Amino acid sequence: MKTIRFFILGSLVSIFIVSCGTTIPGGFEGLHWGAYTRVDTTVYANEFKWAWVWNDVILYDIRWKTESERVDIFSSDDLHMDVELALRLRPAPKELYYLHVEIGQDYYPEVVQQQFRSISRAVFSDYKYSEIPKKSIEIQTAILKLLRKNLEGKHIQLDAVELKHVNYPPAVKQAADFKLATEQQLEQKEFELQIAEKDAEILIIEAKGKKTAQRIIDSTLTLSYLQYRALDVQKVLAQSGNTSFYFVPIGQNGIPIIVDTGMSGKNNTPKVMEKKSKGRMSHKEYEAGMNIRE
């Protein structure tokens, strides 16, 4: 019977002792608060802190956390827009006692939030709306620098400021889209112009080549060469059994005259095939004069 009583009494004592303490988890630090002694300057971390039931352990999360703010701003060219900013901060671990005594656990809304919003408006007012995307890092650095200066001695550590989003007015978005579309059209036209220039260069080169070839051919069509070619034509005509031809010995240009009797066609009028020229014939004239009817 006594054993049971001691067991029950021991269990109650154990429960009482456990309930009079607080386990401080990792990432947190605590301050002992007493009903009569108030806050102790000693900072406790990652341990079990015993305290009477009428006392307490105040916990602070000392891990880095991010607070986001949506701020309405005016750019230097008087354009109103909304921006979303984020601030990474935490309590200064070694100054936890002073932070609790001077400000308290609601340190962000008490001293940081208003400063963060005001400084952000002031910094953005120095930039045109078109400069914000290009100079976002510069803007973030400027806000963080001023915020650290204004919160010096507030027992808070500031790590970084991030510009998360800029919400431009609809008119600005439409103008930006139109500008982008126009630039793309100009690039397309420039590309088409380059292709047209290349095609024109090709045509010019081809024309020069044909002109050069024609000049070379014309320079080789001498009277002796035309007479030689006329003999070849006579040989071909002599072998033709379908049509009768008469050859007059000499024409005005030194080439025999070929007369087609036209016996194989409906028109029986003889046709004289001779090209009159002075001196040297062109290539086209020669080809026309060498027309053979079979």
Protein backbone atom coordinates (compact mmCIF):
# COMPACT_ATOMS: atom_id res chain seq x y z
CA MET A 1 0.00 0.00 0.00
CA LYS A 2 2.83 2.41 0.89
CA THR A 3 4.58 1.49 -2.35
CA ILE A 4 1.56 2.55 -4.35
CA ARG A 5 1.37 5.84 -2.47
CA PHE A 6 5.04 6.58 -3.11
CA PHE A 7 4.59 5.74 -6.79
CA ILE A 8 1.64 8.08 -7.14
CA LEU A 9 3.42 10.83 -5.25
CA GLY A 10 6.56 10.45 -7.37
CA SER A 11 4.53 10.62 -10.57
CA LEU A 12 2.81 13.80 -9.45
CA VAL A 13 6.14 15.38 -8.55
CA SER A 14 7.60 14.43 -11.93
CA ILE A 15 4.62 15.88 -13.77
CA PHE A 16 4.89 19.07 -11.72
CA ILE A 17 8.62 19.45 -12.45
CA VAL A 18 8.15 18.88 -16.17
CA SER A 19 5.24 21.30 -16.35
CA CYS A 20 7.38 23.94 -14.65
CA GLY A 21 9.96 23.98 -17.44
CA THR A 22 10.25 24.81 -21.15
CA THR A 23 12.29 23.07 -23.83
CA ILE A 24 14.00 25.61 -26.12
CA PRO A 25 14.17 24.05 -29.62
CA GLY A 26 16.88 24.61 -32.22
CA GLY A 27 16.65 27.94 -34.01
CA PHE A 28 15.16 29.62 -30.96
CA GLU A 29 16.54 31.43 -27.94
CA GLY A 30 14.76 32.22 -24.72
CA LEU A 31 14.66 34.68 -21.85
CA HIS A 32 13.53 33.73 -18.35
CA TRP A 33 10.68 35.80 -17.06
CA GLY A 34 9.83 35.77 -13.36
CA ALA A 35 6.74 37.09 -11.66
CA TYR A 36 8.93 38.92 -9.18
CA THR A 37 12.30 39.17 -10.94
CA ARG A 38 10.96 40.12 -14.39
CA VAL A 39 13.20 39.39 -17.40
CA ASP A 40 16.60 37.87 -16.83
CA THR A 41 19.48 39.17 -18.98
CA THR A 42 20.72 35.63 -19.57
CA VAL A 43 19.87 34.21 -22.98
CA TYR A 44 19.14 30.46 -23.13
CA ALA A 45 19.45 28.36 -26.27
CA ASN A 46 18.66 24.77 -27.24
CA GLU A 47 18.06 23.41 -23.75
CA PHE A 48 15.43 22.69 -21.10
CA LYS A 49 14.86 25.68 -18.84
CA TRP A 50 13.12 24.95 -15.54
CA ALA A 51 10.79 27.57 -14.07
CA TRP A 52 8.00 27.69 -11.56
CA VAL A 53 4.52 27.61 -12.91
CA TRP A 54 4.09 31.30 -12.16
CA ASN A 55 7.19 32.08 -14.18
CA ASP A 56 7.75 31.71 -17.92
CA VAL A 57 10.37 31.41 -20.73
CA ILE A 58 9.94 33.87 -23.58
CA LEU A 59 11.01 32.36 -26.94
CA TYR A 60 12.44 34.25 -29.93
CA ASP A 61 12.89 32.75 -33.38
CA ILE A 62 16.40 33.81 -34.37
CA ARG A 63 16.28 32.22 -37.83
CA TRP A 64 16.23 34.46 -40.91
CA LYS A 65 12.69 35.20 -42.08
CA THR A 66 11.21 37.18 -44.95
CA GLU A 67 8.59 39.88 -44.68
CA SER A 68 6.84 41.05 -47.85
CA GLU A 69 5.27 44.44 -48.45
CA ARG A 70 3.17 45.84 -51.31
CA VAL A 71 4.01 49.53 -51.63
CA ASP A 72 2.40 52.18 -53.84
CA ILE A 73 5.07 54.48 -55.26
CA PHE A 74 5.61 57.38 -57.66
CA SER A 75 8.50 57.35 -60.11
CA SER A 76 10.54 60.47 -60.90
CA ASP A 77 8.38 61.02 -64.00
CA ASP A 78 5.22 61.00 -61.83
CA LEU A 79 3.96 57.56 -62.77
CA HIS A 80 1.99 55.78 -60.06
CA MET A 81 2.53 52.04 -59.68
CA ASP A 82 2.55 49.24 -57.12
CA VAL A 83 5.67 47.27 -56.24
CA GLU A 84 6.12 44.17 -54.13
CA LEU A 85 9.22 44.12 -51.92
CA ALA A 86 10.65 41.53 -49.54
CA LEU A 87 12.94 42.11 -46.54
CA ARG A 88 15.06 39.36 -44.96
CA LEU A 89 15.73 39.97 -41.26
CA ARG A 90 16.03 38.45 -37.78
CA PRO A 91 16.63 39.53 -34.14
CA ALA A 92 20.25 40.09 -33.16
CA PRO A 93 20.95 36.96 -31.01
CA LYS A 94 23.41 38.69 -28.68
CA GLU A 95 21.04 41.62 -28.13
CA LEU A 96 17.90 39.62 -27.44
CA TYR A 97 17.41 40.99 -23.92
CA TYR A 98 17.55 44.63 -25.10
CA LEU A 99 15.25 43.90 -28.04
CA HIS A 100 12.66 42.42 -25.68
CA VAL A 101 12.92 45.21 -23.12
CA GLU A 102 12.93 48.11 -25.61
CA ILE A 103 10.67 46.83 -28.38
CA GLY A 104 9.25 43.37 -27.75
CA GLN A 105 8.42 40.34 -29.84
CA ASP A 106 6.41 42.40 -32.38
CA TYR A 107 9.51 44.21 -33.54
CA TYR A 108 8.66 44.07 -37.25
CA PRO A 109 5.32 45.92 -37.18
CA GLU A 110 6.54 48.16 -34.36
CA VAL A 111 9.74 49.59 -35.85
CA VAL A 112 10.60 47.95 -39.21
CA GLN A 113 7.48 47.96 -41.35
CA GLN A 114 6.87 51.70 -41.51
CA GLN A 115 10.54 52.45 -42.11
CA PHE A 116 10.66 49.83 -44.87
CA ARG A 117 7.68 51.33 -46.71
CA SER A 118 8.76 54.97 -46.34
CA ILE A 119 12.34 54.38 -47.44
CA SER A 120 11.15 52.33 -50.43
CA ARG A 121 8.93 55.20 -51.63
CA ALA A 122 11.77 57.67 -51.25
CA VAL A 123 14.25 55.55 -53.22
CA PHE A 124 11.85 54.75 -56.07
CA SER A 125 11.04 58.44 -56.51
CA ASP A 126 14.60 58.97 -57.80
CA TYR A 127 14.10 56.65 -60.79
CA LYS A 128 12.02 56.79 -63.95
CA TYR A 129 9.59 53.93 -64.44
CA SER A 130 11.56 52.67 -67.45
CA GLU A 131 14.75 52.48 -65.34
CA ILE A 132 13.30 50.29 -62.59
CA PRO A 133 13.78 46.88 -64.28
CA LYS A 134 17.33 47.69 -65.39
CA LYS A 135 18.41 49.17 -62.05
CA SER A 136 16.59 46.85 -59.67
CA ILE A 137 19.79 45.73 -57.92
CA GLU A 138 20.84 49.34 -57.42
CA ILE A 139 17.42 50.15 -55.95
CA GLN A 140 17.50 47.15 -53.61
CA THR A 141 20.97 48.10 -52.36
CA ALA A 142 19.90 51.71 -51.73
CA ILE A 143 16.83 50.65 -49.73
CA LEU A 144 18.83 48.22 -47.60
CA LYS A 145 21.53 50.80 -46.89
CA LEU A 146 19.07 53.45 -45.70
CA LEU A 147 17.07 50.91 -43.71
CA ARG A 148 20.16 49.74 -41.83
CA LYS A 149 21.03 53.32 -41.07
CA ASN A 150 17.57 54.15 -39.71
CA LEU A 151 17.29 50.92 -37.67
CA GLU A 152 20.74 51.13 -36.16
CA GLY A 153 20.56 50.33 -32.42
CA LYS A 154 17.20 48.55 -32.75
CA HIS A 155 18.81 45.13 -32.12
CA ILE A 156 17.70 43.77 -35.51
CA GLN A 157 19.86 42.29 -38.28
CA LEU A 158 18.96 43.02 -41.91
CA ASP A 159 20.24 40.73 -44.64
CA ALA A 160 18.73 41.70 -48.00
CA VAL A 161 15.97 43.52 -49.87
CA GLU A 162 14.36 41.99 -52.95
CA LEU A 163 12.22 43.68 -55.59
CA LYS A 164 9.78 40.87 -56.37
CA HIS A 165 7.29 42.49 -58.73
CA VAL A 166 6.38 45.78 -60.39
CA ASN A 167 2.76 46.30 -61.36
CA TYR A 168 2.69 48.91 -64.13
CA PRO A 169 -0.51 50.75 -65.13
CA PRO A 170 -2.39 49.28 -68.14
CA ALA A 171 -1.41 52.20 -70.39
CA VAL A 172 2.27 51.55 -69.75
CA LYS A 173 1.87 47.83 -70.44
CA GLN A 174 0.12 48.55 -73.74
CA ALA A 175 2.81 51.03 -74.76
CA ALA A 176 5.54 48.52 -73.90
CA ASP A 177 3.82 45.78 -75.92
CA PHE A 178 3.40 48.11 -78.90
CA LYS A 179 7.05 49.15 -78.72
CA LEU A 180 8.17 45.53 -78.61
CA ALA A 181 5.96 44.60 -81.57
CA THR A 182 7.29 47.58 -83.56
CA GLU A 183 10.89 46.62 -82.85
CA GLN A 184 10.21 43.08 -84.02
CA GLN A 185 8.65 44.37 -87.24
CA LEU A 186 11.65 46.63 -87.86
CA GLU A 187 14.00 43.70 -87.36
CA GLN A 188 11.95 41.65 -89.84
CA LYS A 189 12.03 44.45 -92.41
CA GLU A 190 15.77 44.83 -91.95
CA PHE A 191 16.20 41.12 -92.54
CA GLU A 192 14.04 41.26 -95.68
CA LEU A 193 16.04 44.26 -96.93
CA GLN A 194 19.29 42.34 -96.53
CA ILE A 195 17.85 39.45 -98.53
CA ALA A 196 16.67 41.82 -101.28
CA GLU A 197 20.11 43.43 -101.46
CA LYS A 198 21.76 40.02 -101.79
CA ASP A 199 19.32 39.02 -104.55
CA ALA A 200 20.06 42.28 -106.39
CA GLU A 201 23.80 41.64 -106.11
CA ILE A 202 23.31 38.17 -107.59
CA LEU A 203 21.32 39.58 -110.55
CA ILE A 204 23.97 42.24 -111.16
CA ILE A 205 26.73 39.64 -111.15
CA GLU A 206 24.76 37.40 -113.53
CA ALA A 207 24.11 40.34 -115.88
CA LYS A 208 27.79 41.29 -115.89
CA GLY A 209 28.70 37.68 -116.66
CA LYS A 210 26.30 37.53 -119.59
CA LYS A 211 27.56 40.84 -120.91
CA THR A 212 31.15 39.66 -120.72
CA ALA A 213 30.27 36.35 -122.42
CA GLN A 214 28.41 38.18 -125.20
CA ARG A 215 31.38 40.49 -125.74
CA ILE A 216 33.74 37.51 -126.00
CA ILE A 217 31.42 35.74 -128.48
CA ASP A 218 31.02 38.88 -130.62
CA SER A 219 34.79 39.36 -130.74
CA THR A 220 35.26 35.82 -132.12
CA LEU A 221 32.65 36.03 -134.96
CA THR A 222 35.05 37.04 -137.72
CA LEU A 223 34.17 36.82 -141.41
CA SER A 224 36.43 33.81 -141.91
CA TYR A 225 34.76 31.98 -139.02
CA LEU A 226 31.30 32.69 -140.44
CA GLN A 227 32.37 31.36 -143.86
CA TYR A 228 33.69 28.22 -142.17
CA ARG A 229 30.41 27.72 -140.33
CA ALA A 230 28.47 28.30 -143.59
CA LEU A 231 30.25 25.33 -145.14
CA ASP A 232 29.15 23.16 -142.21
CA VAL A 233 25.57 24.26 -142.77
CA GLN A 234 25.82 23.39 -146.45
CA LYS A 235 26.98 19.88 -145.55
CA VAL A 236 23.97 19.39 -143.26
CA LEU A 237 21.55 20.71 -145.87
CA ALA A 238 23.08 18.47 -148.54
CA GLN A 239 22.26 15.41 -146.44
CA SER A 240 18.57 16.41 -146.06
CA GLY A 241 16.25 14.43 -148.38
CA ASN A 242 13.02 16.26 -147.57
CA THR A 243 13.77 19.72 -148.90
CA SER A 244 15.57 21.12 -151.94
CA PHE A 245 17.99 24.01 -151.59
CA TYR A 246 19.90 26.06 -154.15
CA PHE A 247 23.19 27.72 -153.26
CA VAL A 248 24.15 30.99 -154.94
CA PRO A 249 27.99 31.09 -154.85
CA ILE A 250 28.59 34.40 -153.03
CA GLY A 251 26.47 36.91 -151.10
CA GLN A 252 27.32 40.47 -150.17
CA ASN A 253 28.99 39.40 -146.93
CA GLY A 254 31.03 36.61 -148.48
CA ILE A 255 28.64 33.87 -147.38
CA PRO A 256 26.75 31.69 -149.91
CA ILE A 257 23.06 32.48 -150.38
CA ILE A 258 20.78 29.54 -149.55
CA VAL A 259 17.45 29.45 -151.41
CA ASP A 260 14.69 27.21 -150.00
CA THR A 261 12.44 26.06 -152.87
CA GLY A 262 9.59 25.48 -150.39
CA MET A 263 8.50 22.35 -152.25
CA SER A 264 7.55 20.58 -149.06
CA GLY A 265 5.24 23.33 -147.80
CA LYS A 266 2.10 25.06 -149.00
CA ASN A 267 3.91 28.22 -150.02
CA ASN A 268 5.97 27.45 -153.14
CA THR A 269 7.59 30.86 -153.37
CA PRO A 270 11.39 30.51 -153.05
CA LYS A 271 12.82 32.11 -149.93
CA VAL A 272 16.23 33.70 -149.96
CA MET A 273 18.04 33.19 -146.63
CA GLU A 274 20.74 35.81 -146.37
CA LYS A 275 21.75 38.30 -143.65
CA LYS A 276 23.22 41.50 -144.89
CA SER A 277 25.85 42.99 -142.73
CA LYS A 278 28.90 45.11 -143.05
CA GLY A 279 32.18 43.54 -142.01
CA ARG A 280 31.49 41.44 -138.86
CA MET A 281 28.17 39.85 -137.88
CA SER A 282 26.92 39.60 -134.32
CA HIS A 283 26.21 36.26 -132.73
CA LYS A 284 22.44 36.81 -132.85
CA GLU A 285 22.58 37.76 -136.52
CA TYR A 286 24.56 34.66 -137.28
CA GLU A 287 22.11 32.37 -135.48
CA ALA A 288 19.21 33.94 -137.39
CA GLY A 289 21.04 33.47 -140.69
CA MET A 290 21.73 29.83 -139.96
CA ASN A 291 18.05 28.94 -139.65
CA ILE A 292 17.60 25.51 -141.23
CA ARG A 293 14.31 24.15 -142.34
CA GLU A 294 14.09 20.41 -142.45
